[in-house]
Amino acid sequence: MAAAIFAGALPALAATAEPAPVKREIIPGSELMTSQEREQYRQRQRGAKTDAQREQQRIEHVKSMEERARVRGLQVVDPSRAKQGQP
């Protein structure tokens, strides 16, 4: 009997629990990349052993995307620099 009462309460408990927020990575210049390039970028970032290494990879990526955008007459917005007050 107690099991039946507990089982009946499970859906109510599940309904009140908030889903975990999904951390969404913003890849600078992603609109200029193919899905394969975006996946390669993610793999390189996951493979970095330190935060400094990850940041260096990101800086190099942004430079590459800025050059790709320049050739196309566009501009890359890097959200991490915008937070720091840089263009």
PDB file of N, CA and C in Angstrom:
ATOM      1  N   MET A   1       0.832  -1.191   0.000  1.00  0.00           N
ATOM      2  CA  MET A   1       0.000   0.000   0.000  1.00  0.00           C
ATOM      3  C   MET A   1       0.875   1.251   0.000  1.00  0.00           C
ATOM      4  N   ALA A   2       1.913   1.279   0.839  1.00  0.00           N
ATOM      5  CA  ALA A   2       2.798   2.436   0.892  1.00  0.00           C
ATOM      6  C   ALA A   2       3.490   2.649  -0.439  1.00  0.00           C
ATOM      7  N   ALA A   3       3.800   1.543  -1.114  1.00  0.00           N
ATOM      8  CA  ALA A   3       4.444   1.649  -2.418  1.00  0.00           C
ATOM      9  C   ALA A   3       3.512   2.306  -3.426  1.00  0.00           C
ATOM     10  N   ALA A   4       2.254   2.012  -3.353  1.00  0.00           N
ATOM     11  CA  ALA A   4       1.280   2.595  -4.270  1.00  0.00           C
ATOM     12  C   ALA A   4       1.147   4.094  -4.022  1.00  0.00           C
ATOM     13  N   ILE A   5       1.145   4.494  -2.774  1.00  0.00           N
ATOM     14  CA  ILE A   5       1.049   5.911  -2.441  1.00  0.00           C
ATOM     15  C   ILE A   5       2.297   6.641  -2.921  1.00  0.00           C
ATOM     16  N   PHE A   6       3.471   6.041  -2.667  1.00  0.00           N
ATOM     17  CA  PHE A   6       4.734   6.646  -3.108  1.00  0.00           C
ATOM     18  C   PHE A   6       4.790   6.739  -4.627  1.00  0.00           C
ATOM     19  N   ALA A   7       4.372   5.695  -5.312  1.00  0.00           N
ATOM     20  CA  ALA A   7       4.393   5.677  -6.777  1.00  0.00           C
ATOM     21  C   ALA A   7       3.466   6.757  -7.329  1.00  0.00           C
ATOM     22  N   GLY A   8       2.364   7.000  -6.648  1.00  0.00           N
ATOM     23  CA  GLY A   8       1.438   8.038  -7.092  1.00  0.00           C
ATOM     24  C   GLY A   8       2.004   9.431  -6.905  1.00  0.00           C
ATOM     25  N   ALA A   9       2.923   9.599  -5.970  1.00  0.00           N
ATOM     26  CA  ALA A   9       3.510  10.913  -5.701  1.00  0.00           C
ATOM     27  C   ALA A   9       4.658  11.239  -6.645  1.00  0.00           C
ATOM     28  N   LEU A  10       5.231  10.245  -7.295  1.00  0.00           N
ATOM     29  CA  LEU A  10       6.370  10.488  -8.176  1.00  0.00           C
ATOM     30  C   LEU A  10       6.075  11.477  -9.302  1.00  0.00           C
ATOM     31  N   PRO A  11       4.976  11.328 -10.025  1.00  0.00           N
ATOM     32  CA  PRO A  11       4.723  12.313 -11.095  1.00  0.00           C
ATOM     33  C   PRO A  11       4.617  13.742 -10.564  1.00  0.00           C
ATOM     34  N   ALA A  12       4.055  13.911  -9.387  1.00  0.00           N
ATOM     35  CA  ALA A  12       3.931  15.250  -8.801  1.00  0.00           C
ATOM     36  C   ALA A  12       5.308  15.804  -8.457  1.00  0.00           C
ATOM     37  N   LEU A  13       6.185  14.971  -7.934  1.00  0.00           N
ATOM     38  CA  LEU A  13       7.540  15.420  -7.606  1.00  0.00           C
ATOM     39  C   LEU A  13       8.313  15.771  -8.872  1.00  0.00           C
ATOM     40  N   ALA A  14       8.154  14.970  -9.894  1.00  0.00           N
ATOM     41  CA  ALA A  14       8.856  15.208 -11.151  1.00  0.00           C
ATOM     42  C   ALA A  14       8.370  16.499 -11.805  1.00  0.00           C
ATOM     43  N   ALA A  15       7.112  16.805 -11.666  1.00  0.00           N
ATOM     44  CA  ALA A  15       6.560  18.005 -12.289  1.00  0.00           C
ATOM     45  C   ALA A  15       7.083  19.279 -11.626  1.00  0.00           C
ATOM     46  N   THR A  16       7.423  19.195 -10.344  1.00  0.00           N
ATOM     47  CA  THR A  16       7.885  20.398  -9.660  1.00  0.00           C
ATOM     48  C   THR A  16       9.378  20.633  -9.835  1.00  0.00           C
ATOM     49  N   ALA A  17      10.118  19.611 -10.204  1.00  0.00           N
ATOM     50  CA  ALA A  17      11.570  19.764 -10.393  1.00  0.00           C
ATOM     51  C   ALA A  17      11.830  20.520 -11.697  1.00  0.00           C
ATOM     52  N   GLU A  18      12.689  21.536 -11.600  1.00  0.00           N
ATOM     53  CA  GLU A  18      13.022  22.305 -12.802  1.00  0.00           C
ATOM     54  C   GLU A  18      14.106  21.578 -13.573  1.00  0.00           C
ATOM     55  N   PRO A  19      14.016  21.577 -14.907  1.00  0.00           N
ATOM     56  CA  PRO A  19      15.078  20.927 -15.680  1.00  0.00           C
ATOM     57  C   PRO A  19      16.395  21.689 -15.533  1.00  0.00           C
ATOM     58  N   ALA A  20      17.469  20.961 -15.618  1.00  0.00           N
ATOM     59  CA  ALA A  20      18.788  21.589 -15.511  1.00  0.00           C
ATOM     60  C   ALA A  20      18.990  22.524 -16.704  1.00  0.00           C
ATOM     61  N   PRO A  21      19.526  23.719 -16.474  1.00  0.00           N
ATOM     62  CA  PRO A  21      19.757  24.632 -17.588  1.00  0.00           C
ATOM     63  C   PRO A  21      20.802  24.052 -18.540  1.00  0.00           C
ATOM     64  N   VAL A  22      20.574  24.268 -19.815  1.00  0.00           N
ATOM     65  CA  VAL A  22      21.497  23.787 -20.830  1.00  0.00           C
ATOM     66  C   VAL A  22      22.511  24.889 -21.099  1.00  0.00           C
ATOM     67  N   LYS A  23      23.784  24.561 -20.945  1.00  0.00           N
ATOM     68  CA  LYS A  23      24.832  25.538 -21.210  1.00  0.00           C
ATOM     69  C   LYS A  23      25.068  25.554 -22.710  1.00  0.00           C
ATOM     70  N   ARG A  24      24.810  26.679 -23.306  1.00  0.00           N
ATOM     71  CA  ARG A  24      24.951  26.801 -24.745  1.00  0.00           C
ATOM     72  C   ARG A  24      26.220  27.570 -25.054  1.00  0.00           C
ATOM     73  N   GLU A  25      27.070  26.923 -25.817  1.00  0.00           N
ATOM     74  CA  GLU A  25      28.328  27.540 -26.188  1.00  0.00           C
ATOM     75  C   GLU A  25      28.109  28.447 -27.390  1.00  0.00           C
ATOM     76  N   ILE A  26      28.663  29.634 -27.325  1.00  0.00           N
ATOM     77  CA  ILE A  26      28.595  30.559 -28.454  1.00  0.00           C
ATOM     78  C   ILE A  26      29.948  30.526 -29.134  1.00  0.00           C
ATOM     79  N   ILE A  27      29.941  30.131 -30.403  1.00  0.00           N
ATOM     80  CA  ILE A  27      31.177  30.052 -31.169  1.00  0.00           C
ATOM     81  C   ILE A  27      31.261  31.309 -32.036  1.00  0.00           C
ATOM     82  N   PRO A  28      32.249  32.162 -31.785  1.00  0.00           N
ATOM     83  CA  PRO A  28      32.390  33.367 -32.606  1.00  0.00           C
ATOM     84  C   PRO A  28      32.569  32.999 -34.075  1.00  0.00           C
ATOM     85  N   GLY A  29      31.777  33.619 -34.937  1.00  0.00           N
ATOM     86  CA  GLY A  29      31.881  33.359 -36.366  1.00  0.00           C
ATOM     87  C   GLY A  29      31.192  32.082 -36.803  1.00  0.00           C
ATOM     88  N   SER A  30      30.391  31.489 -35.951  1.00  0.00           N
ATOM     89  CA  SER A  30      29.757  30.207 -36.285  1.00  0.00           C
ATOM     90  C   SER A  30      28.911  30.290 -37.554  1.00  0.00           C
ATOM     91  N   GLU A  31      28.377  31.485 -37.823  1.00  0.00           N
ATOM     92  CA  GLU A  31      27.559  31.647 -39.026  1.00  0.00           C
ATOM     93  C   GLU A  31      28.396  31.549 -40.301  1.00  0.00           C
ATOM     94  N   LEU A  32      29.701  31.630 -40.157  1.00  0.00           N
ATOM     95  CA  LEU A  32      30.606  31.520 -41.306  1.00  0.00           C
ATOM     96  C   LEU A  32      31.202  30.118 -41.427  1.00  0.00           C
ATOM     97  N   MET A  33      30.820  29.227 -40.532  1.00  0.00           N
ATOM     98  CA  MET A  33      31.405  27.893 -40.464  1.00  0.00           C
ATOM     99  C   MET A  33      30.410  26.828 -40.910  1.00  0.00           C
ATOM    100  N   THR A  34      30.953  25.707 -41.391  1.00  0.00           N
ATOM    101  CA  THR A  34      30.109  24.559 -41.686  1.00  0.00           C
ATOM    102  C   THR A  34      29.858  23.813 -40.376  1.00  0.00           C
ATOM    103  N   SER A  35      28.896  22.934 -40.364  1.00  0.00           N
ATOM    104  CA  SER A  35      28.625  22.154 -39.159  1.00  0.00           C
ATOM    105  C   SER A  35      29.839  21.301 -38.793  1.00  0.00           C
ATOM    106  N   GLN A  36      30.565  20.820 -39.786  1.00  0.00           N
ATOM    107  CA  GLN A  36      31.768  20.033 -39.519  1.00  0.00           C
ATOM    108  C   GLN A  36      32.840  20.900 -38.850  1.00  0.00           C
ATOM    109  N   GLU A  37      33.010  22.135 -39.307  1.00  0.00           N
ATOM    110  CA  GLU A  37      33.982  23.042 -38.697  1.00  0.00           C
ATOM    111  C   GLU A  37      33.605  23.370 -37.257  1.00  0.00           C
ATOM    112  N   ARG A  38      32.303  23.559 -37.007  1.00  0.00           N
ATOM    113  CA  ARG A  38      31.854  23.835 -35.637  1.00  0.00           C
ATOM    114  C   ARG A  38      32.150  22.644 -34.735  1.00  0.00           C
ATOM    115  N   GLU A  39      31.927  21.441 -35.222  1.00  0.00           N
ATOM    116  CA  GLU A  39      32.204  20.249 -34.415  1.00  0.00           C
ATOM    117  C   GLU A  39      33.701  20.096 -34.166  1.00  0.00           C
ATOM    118  N   GLN A  40      34.524  20.388 -35.153  1.00  0.00           N
ATOM    119  CA  GLN A  40      35.976  20.332 -34.973  1.00  0.00           C
ATOM    120  C   GLN A  40      36.425  21.346 -33.923  1.00  0.00           C
ATOM    121  N   TYR A  41      35.841  22.550 -33.950  1.00  0.00           N
ATOM    122  CA  TYR A  41      36.156  23.574 -32.950  1.00  0.00           C
ATOM    123  C   TYR A  41      35.812  23.064 -31.550  1.00  0.00           C
ATOM    124  N   ARG A  42      34.608  22.484 -31.408  1.00  0.00           N
ATOM    125  CA  ARG A  42      34.186  21.960 -30.105  1.00  0.00           C
ATOM    126  C   ARG A  42      35.147  20.873 -29.618  1.00  0.00           C
ATOM    127  N   GLN A  43      35.555  19.996 -30.515  1.00  0.00           N
ATOM    128  CA  GLN A  43      36.474  18.926 -30.139  1.00  0.00           C
ATOM    129  C   GLN A  43      37.820  19.482 -29.682  1.00  0.00           C
ATOM    130  N   ARG A  44      38.332  20.491 -30.392  1.00  0.00           N
ATOM    131  CA  ARG A  44      39.593  21.115 -29.978  1.00  0.00           C
ATOM    132  C   ARG A  44      39.443  21.751 -28.599  1.00  0.00           C
ATOM    133  N   GLN A  45      38.320  22.417 -28.362  1.00  0.00           N
ATOM    134  CA  GLN A  45      38.095  23.065 -27.066  1.00  0.00           C
ATOM    135  C   GLN A  45      38.003  22.019 -25.953  1.00  0.00           C
ATOM    136  N   ARG A  46      37.279  20.933 -26.212  1.00  0.00           N
ATOM    137  CA  ARG A  46      37.174  19.873 -25.200  1.00  0.00           C
ATOM    138  C   ARG A  46      38.523  19.202 -24.952  1.00  0.00           C
ATOM    139  N   GLY A  47      39.367  19.152 -25.976  1.00  0.00           N
ATOM    140  CA  GLY A  47      40.661  18.500 -25.860  1.00  0.00           C
ATOM    141  C   GLY A  47      41.724  19.347 -25.181  1.00  0.00           C
ATOM    142  N   ALA A  48      41.455  20.634 -25.015  1.00  0.00           N
ATOM    143  CA  ALA A  48      42.427  21.519 -24.354  1.00  0.00           C
ATOM    144  C   ALA A  48      42.603  21.081 -22.906  1.00  0.00           C
ATOM    145  N   LYS A  49      43.841  21.071 -22.457  1.00  0.00           N
ATOM    146  CA  LYS A  49      44.141  20.583 -21.118  1.00  0.00           C
ATOM    147  C   LYS A  49      44.005  21.655 -20.038  1.00  0.00           C
ATOM    148  N   THR A  50      44.107  22.928 -20.427  1.00  0.00           N
ATOM    149  CA  THR A  50      44.004  24.018 -19.447  1.00  0.00           C
ATOM    150  C   THR A  50      43.081  25.115 -19.985  1.00  0.00           C
ATOM    151  N   ASP A  51      42.643  25.977 -19.081  1.00  0.00           N
ATOM    152  CA  ASP A  51      41.837  27.123 -19.501  1.00  0.00           C
ATOM    153  C   ASP A  51      42.650  28.038 -20.409  1.00  0.00           C
ATOM    154  N   ALA A  52      43.939  28.183 -20.115  1.00  0.00           N
ATOM    155  CA  ALA A  52      44.796  29.044 -20.935  1.00  0.00           C
ATOM    156  C   ALA A  52      44.912  28.497 -22.360  1.00  0.00           C
ATOM    157  N   GLN A  53      45.025  27.198 -22.471  1.00  0.00           N
ATOM    158  CA  GLN A  53      45.099  26.573 -23.791  1.00  0.00           C
ATOM    159  C   GLN A  53      43.786  26.769 -24.546  1.00  0.00           C
ATOM    160  N   ARG A  54      42.682  26.611 -23.845  1.00  0.00           N
ATOM    161  CA  ARG A  54      41.361  26.798 -24.450  1.00  0.00           C
ATOM    162  C   ARG A  54      41.200  28.248 -24.922  1.00  0.00           C
ATOM    163  N   GLU A  55      41.640  29.192 -24.098  1.00  0.00           N
ATOM    164  CA  GLU A  55      41.539  30.612 -24.455  1.00  0.00           C
ATOM    165  C   GLU A  55      42.422  30.929 -25.659  1.00  0.00           C
ATOM    166  N   GLN A  56      43.611  30.367 -25.720  1.00  0.00           N
ATOM    167  CA  GLN A  56      44.503  30.598 -26.858  1.00  0.00           C
ATOM    168  C   GLN A  56      43.877  30.051 -28.143  1.00  0.00           C
ATOM    169  N   GLN A  57      43.274  28.882 -28.063  1.00  0.00           N
ATOM    170  CA  GLN A  57      42.600  28.313 -29.232  1.00  0.00           C
ATOM    171  C   GLN A  57      41.456  29.216 -29.674  1.00  0.00           C
ATOM    172  N   ARG A  58      40.715  29.757 -28.699  1.00  0.00           N
ATOM    173  CA  ARG A  58      39.592  30.636 -29.030  1.00  0.00           C
ATOM    174  C   ARG A  58      40.093  31.900 -29.712  1.00  0.00           C
ATOM    175  N   ILE A  59      41.183  32.478 -29.207  1.00  0.00           N
ATOM    176  CA  ILE A  59      41.746  33.701 -29.807  1.00  0.00           C
ATOM    177  C   ILE A  59      42.180  33.441 -31.246  1.00  0.00           C
ATOM    178  N   GLU A  60      42.855  32.328 -31.466  1.00  0.00           N
ATOM    179  CA  GLU A  60      43.286  31.979 -32.819  1.00  0.00           C
ATOM    180  C   GLU A  60      42.085  31.758 -33.730  1.00  0.00           C
ATOM    181  N   HIS A  61      41.041  31.135 -33.190  1.00  0.00           N
ATOM    182  CA  HIS A  61      39.826  30.904 -33.969  1.00  0.00           C
ATOM    183  C   HIS A  61      39.167  32.229 -34.359  1.00  0.00           C
ATOM    184  N   VAL A  62      39.079  33.146 -33.397  1.00  0.00           N
ATOM    185  CA  VAL A  62      38.456  34.449 -33.677  1.00  0.00           C
ATOM    186  C   VAL A  62      39.230  35.177 -34.777  1.00  0.00           C
ATOM    187  N   LYS A  63      40.557  35.150 -34.719  1.00  0.00           N
ATOM    188  CA  LYS A  63      41.367  35.795 -35.761  1.00  0.00           C
ATOM    189  C   LYS A  63      41.081  35.181 -37.121  1.00  0.00           C
ATOM    190  N   SER A  64      40.974  33.861 -37.159  1.00  0.00           N
ATOM    191  CA  SER A  64      40.682  33.163 -38.409  1.00  0.00           C
ATOM    192  C   SER A  64      39.300  33.560 -38.941  1.00  0.00           C
ATOM    193  N   MET A  65      38.323  33.630 -38.039  1.00  0.00           N
ATOM    194  CA  MET A  65      36.964  33.989 -38.460  1.00  0.00           C
ATOM    195  C   MET A  65      36.896  35.460 -38.888  1.00  0.00           C
ATOM    196  N   GLU A  66      37.659  36.319 -38.215  1.00  0.00           N
ATOM    197  CA  GLU A  66      37.682  37.733 -38.616  1.00  0.00           C
ATOM    198  C   GLU A  66      38.241  37.873 -40.027  1.00  0.00           C
ATOM    199  N   GLU A  67      39.269  37.097 -40.351  1.00  0.00           N
ATOM    200  CA  GLU A  67      39.829  37.134 -41.699  1.00  0.00           C
ATOM    201  C   GLU A  67      38.822  36.601 -42.715  1.00  0.00           C
ATOM    202  N   ARG A  68      38.155  35.517 -42.380  1.00  0.00           N
ATOM    203  CA  ARG A  68      37.140  34.950 -43.275  1.00  0.00           C
ATOM    204  C   ARG A  68      36.018  35.970 -43.505  1.00  0.00           C
ATOM    205  N   ALA A  69      35.613  36.639 -42.449  1.00  0.00           N
ATOM    206  CA  ALA A  69      34.552  37.643 -42.565  1.00  0.00           C
ATOM    207  C   ALA A  69      35.028  38.839 -43.389  1.00  0.00           C
ATOM    208  N   ARG A  70      36.269  39.285 -43.166  1.00  0.00           N
ATOM    209  CA  ARG A  70      36.807  40.431 -43.900  1.00  0.00           C
ATOM    210  C   ARG A  70      36.780  40.169 -45.404  1.00  0.00           C
ATOM    211  N   VAL A  71      37.168  38.964 -45.804  1.00  0.00           N
ATOM    212  CA  VAL A  71      37.167  38.596 -47.217  1.00  0.00           C
ATOM    213  C   VAL A  71      35.754  38.676 -47.799  1.00  0.00           C
ATOM    214  N   ARG A  72      34.772  38.384 -46.988  1.00  0.00           N
ATOM    215  CA  ARG A  72      33.370  38.409 -47.433  1.00  0.00           C
ATOM    216  C   ARG A  72      32.698  39.756 -47.197  1.00  0.00           C
ATOM    217  N   GLY A  73      33.440  40.705 -46.641  1.00  0.00           N
ATOM    218  CA  GLY A  73      32.870  42.023 -46.378  1.00  0.00           C
ATOM    219  C   GLY A  73      31.962  42.043 -45.163  1.00  0.00           C
ATOM    220  N   LEU A  74      32.214  41.153 -44.218  1.00  0.00           N
ATOM    221  CA  LEU A  74      31.393  41.052 -43.012  1.00  0.00           C
ATOM    222  C   LEU A  74      32.238  41.343 -41.783  1.00  0.00           C
ATOM    223  N   GLN A  75      31.605  41.260 -40.621  1.00  0.00           N
ATOM    224  CA  GLN A  75      32.308  41.490 -39.362  1.00  0.00           C
ATOM    225  C   GLN A  75      31.866  40.428 -38.360  1.00  0.00           C
ATOM    226  N   VAL A  76      32.829  39.897 -37.605  1.00  0.00           N
ATOM    227  CA  VAL A  76      32.539  38.882 -36.590  1.00  0.00           C
ATOM    228  C   VAL A  76      32.306  39.579 -35.261  1.00  0.00           C
ATOM    229  N   VAL A  77      31.238  39.187 -34.594  1.00  0.00           N
ATOM    230  CA  VAL A  77      30.969  39.694 -33.250  1.00  0.00           C
ATOM    231  C   VAL A  77      31.412  38.613 -32.278  1.00  0.00           C
ATOM    232  N   ASP A  78      32.322  38.972 -31.393  1.00  0.00           N
ATOM    233  CA  ASP A  78      32.826  38.043 -30.386  1.00  0.00           C
ATOM    234  C   ASP A  78      32.195  38.420 -29.053  1.00  0.00           C
ATOM    235  N   PRO A  79      31.204  37.657 -28.597  1.00  0.00           N
ATOM    236  CA  PRO A  79      30.503  38.000 -27.360  1.00  0.00           C
ATOM    237  C   PRO A  79      31.418  38.114 -26.150  1.00  0.00           C
ATOM    238  N   SER A  80      32.501  37.371 -26.093  1.00  0.00           N
ATOM    239  CA  SER A  80      33.372  37.458 -24.926  1.00  0.00           C
ATOM    240  C   SER A  80      34.085  38.803 -24.877  1.00  0.00           C
ATOM    241  N   ARG A  81      34.391  39.391 -26.038  1.00  0.00           N
ATOM    242  CA  ARG A  81      35.016  40.719 -26.039  1.00  0.00           C
ATOM    243  C   ARG A  81      33.977  41.799 -25.754  1.00  0.00           C
ATOM    244  N   ALA A  82      32.756  41.581 -26.194  1.00  0.00           N
ATOM    245  CA  ALA A  82      31.703  42.565 -25.935  1.00  0.00           C
ATOM    246  C   ALA A  82      31.459  42.708 -24.443  1.00  0.00           C
ATOM    247  N   LYS A  83      31.570  41.611 -23.700  1.00  0.00           N
ATOM    248  CA  LYS A  83      31.409  41.664 -22.244  1.00  0.00           C
ATOM    249  C   LYS A  83      32.518  42.464 -21.581  1.00  0.00           C
ATOM    250  N   GLN A  84      33.684  42.474 -22.209  1.00  0.00           N
ATOM    251  CA  GLN A  84      34.829  43.183 -21.659  1.00  0.00           C
ATOM    252  C   GLN A  84      34.887  44.634 -22.126  1.00  0.00           C
ATOM    253  N   GLY A  85      33.909  45.038 -22.948  1.00  0.00           N
ATOM    254  CA  GLY A  85      33.869  46.416 -23.430  1.00  0.00           C
ATOM    255  C   GLY A  85      34.724  46.666 -24.646  1.00  0.00           C
ATOM    256  N   GLN A  86      35.140  45.609 -25.338  1.00  0.00           N
ATOM    257  CA  GLN A  86      35.929  45.753 -26.561  1.00  0.00           C
ATOM    258  C   GLN A  86      35.039  45.543 -27.773  1.00  0.00           C
ATOM    259  N   PRO A  87      35.360  46.151 -28.917  1.00  0.00           N
ATOM    260  CA  PRO A  87      34.533  45.945 -30.117  1.00  0.00           C
ATOM    261  C   PRO A  87      34.666  44.572 -30.687  1.00  0.00           C
TER     262      PRO A  87
END
